[in-house]
Amino acid sequence: MSMKNSDDMCIPLCRAHHDEVHAFGDEALWLALNGIDPEEELRKIRVDKGAQEG
């Protein structure tokens, strides 16, 4: 059985890009090739979420 990541560790993607990542097979490489820094994106999401809650 596979394990699901916490939603706090997920970068939201549209359906087309979600499917593209799965078809590509290497999420880390796909992110790098598309200029996406996952740590930076997660930081932005946490900042935005904090602003909405506070």
N, C-alpha and C. Protein backbone atom coordinates (compact mmCIF):
# COMPACT_ATOMS: atom_id res chain seq x y z
N MET A 1 0.84 -1.17 0.00
CA MET A 1 0.00 0.00 0.00
C MET A 1 0.90 1.24 0.00
N SER A 2 0.53 2.23 -0.81
CA SER A 2 1.33 3.45 -0.88
C SER A 2 0.95 4.39 0.26
N MET A 3 1.89 5.30 0.55
CA MET A 3 1.67 6.28 1.60
C MET A 3 1.37 7.63 0.97
N LYS A 4 0.42 8.35 1.51
CA LYS A 4 0.04 9.67 1.01
C LYS A 4 0.77 10.72 1.83
N ASN A 5 1.40 11.68 1.14
CA ASN A 5 2.05 12.79 1.84
C ASN A 5 1.01 13.65 2.52
N SER A 6 1.44 14.30 3.59
CA SER A 6 0.59 15.28 4.25
C SER A 6 0.30 16.41 3.26
N ASP A 7 -0.88 16.99 3.34
CA ASP A 7 -1.21 18.11 2.47
C ASP A 7 -0.28 19.30 2.69
N ASP A 8 0.34 19.38 3.88
CA ASP A 8 1.29 20.46 4.16
C ASP A 8 2.57 20.33 3.35
N MET A 9 2.77 19.18 2.73
CA MET A 9 3.98 18.93 1.95
C MET A 9 3.69 18.81 0.46
N CYS A 10 2.51 19.25 0.03
CA CYS A 10 2.11 19.14 -1.37
C CYS A 10 2.05 20.50 -2.04
N ILE A 11 2.55 20.55 -3.24
CA ILE A 11 2.47 21.76 -4.06
C ILE A 11 1.27 21.60 -4.98
N PRO A 12 0.31 22.52 -4.91
CA PRO A 12 -0.87 22.38 -5.77
C PRO A 12 -0.52 22.56 -7.25
N LEU A 13 -1.04 21.67 -8.06
CA LEU A 13 -0.86 21.73 -9.51
C LEU A 13 -2.22 21.61 -10.18
N CYS A 14 -2.33 22.20 -11.36
CA CYS A 14 -3.54 21.98 -12.14
C CYS A 14 -3.55 20.53 -12.61
N ARG A 15 -4.69 20.06 -13.07
CA ARG A 15 -4.83 18.66 -13.50
C ARG A 15 -3.82 18.31 -14.60
N ALA A 16 -3.63 19.20 -15.56
CA ALA A 16 -2.71 18.91 -16.68
C ALA A 16 -1.29 18.70 -16.18
N HIS A 17 -0.83 19.57 -15.28
CA HIS A 17 0.54 19.42 -14.77
C HIS A 17 0.66 18.24 -13.82
N HIS A 18 -0.38 17.97 -13.05
CA HIS A 18 -0.39 16.79 -12.18
C HIS A 18 -0.20 15.52 -13.03
N ASP A 19 -0.97 15.42 -14.10
CA ASP A 19 -0.85 14.27 -14.99
C ASP A 19 0.53 14.20 -15.65
N GLU A 20 1.07 15.38 -16.01
CA GLU A 20 2.38 15.44 -16.64
C GLU A 20 3.47 14.93 -15.70
N VAL A 21 3.41 15.31 -14.42
CA VAL A 21 4.39 14.83 -13.44
C VAL A 21 4.33 13.31 -13.35
N HIS A 22 3.13 12.75 -13.26
CA HIS A 22 3.00 11.30 -13.15
C HIS A 22 3.50 10.59 -14.41
N ALA A 23 3.23 11.16 -15.57
CA ALA A 23 3.69 10.56 -16.82
C ALA A 23 5.21 10.64 -16.94
N PHE A 24 5.78 11.74 -16.44
CA PHE A 24 7.23 11.94 -16.50
C PHE A 24 7.95 10.93 -15.62
N GLY A 25 7.40 10.69 -14.41
CA GLY A 25 7.93 9.64 -13.55
C GLY A 25 8.92 10.08 -12.49
N ASP A 26 9.57 11.21 -12.64
CA ASP A 26 10.55 11.68 -11.66
C ASP A 26 10.14 13.08 -11.23
N GLU A 27 9.41 13.15 -10.12
CA GLU A 27 8.86 14.44 -9.68
C GLU A 27 9.94 15.48 -9.41
N ALA A 28 11.01 15.09 -8.73
CA ALA A 28 12.08 16.04 -8.41
C ALA A 28 12.72 16.61 -9.68
N LEU A 29 12.96 15.76 -10.65
CA LEU A 29 13.56 16.22 -11.90
C LEU A 29 12.57 17.09 -12.67
N TRP A 30 11.30 16.71 -12.70
CA TRP A 30 10.28 17.51 -13.39
C TRP A 30 10.21 18.91 -12.78
N LEU A 31 10.21 18.98 -11.45
CA LEU A 31 10.18 20.29 -10.79
C LEU A 31 11.40 21.12 -11.18
N ALA A 32 12.58 20.50 -11.15
CA ALA A 32 13.81 21.22 -11.50
C ALA A 32 13.79 21.70 -12.95
N LEU A 33 13.37 20.85 -13.86
CA LEU A 33 13.33 21.23 -15.27
C LEU A 33 12.32 22.34 -15.54
N ASN A 34 11.32 22.46 -14.68
CA ASN A 34 10.31 23.49 -14.83
C ASN A 34 10.56 24.70 -13.94
N GLY A 35 11.75 24.75 -13.34
CA GLY A 35 12.15 25.91 -12.55
C GLY A 35 11.36 26.10 -11.27
N ILE A 36 10.89 25.00 -10.71
CA ILE A 36 10.09 25.07 -9.48
C ILE A 36 10.94 24.58 -8.31
N ASP A 37 11.12 25.45 -7.32
CA ASP A 37 11.84 25.10 -6.10
C ASP A 37 10.78 24.69 -5.07
N PRO A 38 10.65 23.40 -4.79
CA PRO A 38 9.57 22.95 -3.91
C PRO A 38 9.64 23.56 -2.51
N GLU A 39 10.82 23.74 -1.96
CA GLU A 39 10.93 24.33 -0.63
C GLU A 39 10.43 25.77 -0.62
N GLU A 40 10.75 26.52 -1.66
CA GLU A 40 10.30 27.91 -1.77
C GLU A 40 8.78 27.97 -1.95
N GLU A 41 8.25 27.10 -2.77
CA GLU A 41 6.80 27.09 -2.98
C GLU A 41 6.06 26.73 -1.70
N LEU A 42 6.56 25.75 -0.95
CA LEU A 42 5.93 25.39 0.31
C LEU A 42 6.03 26.52 1.32
N ARG A 43 7.14 27.25 1.32
CA ARG A 43 7.29 28.40 2.22
C ARG A 43 6.23 29.46 1.89
N LYS A 44 6.04 29.73 0.60
CA LYS A 44 5.03 30.72 0.19
C LYS A 44 3.63 30.29 0.62
N ILE A 45 3.33 29.01 0.48
CA ILE A 45 2.02 28.51 0.87
C ILE A 45 1.82 28.68 2.38
N ARG A 46 2.85 28.36 3.18
CA ARG A 46 2.73 28.51 4.63
C ARG A 46 2.54 29.97 5.01
N VAL A 47 3.24 30.88 4.35
CA VAL A 47 3.08 32.31 4.63
C VAL A 47 1.68 32.76 4.28
N ASP A 48 1.18 32.37 3.10
CA ASP A 48 -0.18 32.73 2.68
C ASP A 48 -1.22 32.16 3.63
N LYS A 49 -1.03 30.92 4.03
CA LYS A 49 -1.98 30.27 4.94
C LYS A 49 -2.01 30.98 6.27
N GLY A 50 -0.83 31.37 6.77
CA GLY A 50 -0.75 32.10 8.04
C GLY A 50 -1.43 33.44 7.96
N ALA A 51 -1.31 34.13 6.84
CA ALA A 51 -1.95 35.43 6.67
C ALA A 51 -3.47 35.28 6.64
N GLN A 52 -3.95 34.20 6.08
CA GLN A 52 -5.40 33.97 6.01
C GLN A 52 -5.97 33.62 7.38
N GLU A 53 -5.19 32.93 8.20
CA GLU A 53 -5.67 32.49 9.51
C GLU A 53 -5.58 33.60 10.55
N GLY A 54 -4.61 34.48 10.38
CA GLY A 54 -4.34 35.46 11.42
C GLY A 54 -4.99 36.75 11.22
